[in-house]
């Protein structure tokens, strides 16, 4: 229901793994296949150098919505406890503080946080079984993974206690 004619698509084919191709949706079937719950969508793809051949398998991305300023964290940072979701946030003194959050959309390896975190805050991603509220953590900047400006740094919670 969110796909529209004119939307841009991006895809890759195995034969040209280092190259991305783009196109535009021009047809959306009004029927959904009951068994597979899929619908036929067609796109126009420029192919001036004839690199794309019939029968090639493509991996496609179709952006449905773009959320600017979304706060996202690595999926590994989430702690599930019943119906409650929390993360450990690292404060200015390198101490871990547990905080409830409201997760939103989940993508491969990342989760949008709708409530409970602000952009730029640091969350614990590794060593969650060793971290405790108020415990000192060591921020591992060399292994940080960032998604835009809004993803928190990767943190190791297995650091020795500092005095």
Foldseek 3Di string as FASTA:
>chain_A
DLDDFFFKKWKDFPVCNPDIWMWTWHDWDPDADPVVRHTDIDTDTDDPVVPDDPPTDMDMDTDRDDDPQWAKEFPLQWDDDPPWIWGWWQDPVQFTAIWTWDWDDDDVGMITTPDTDHFAIATEREPPVPHDGRFHWAFDQVPFDDDPRRYHGYTYRPDDGDD
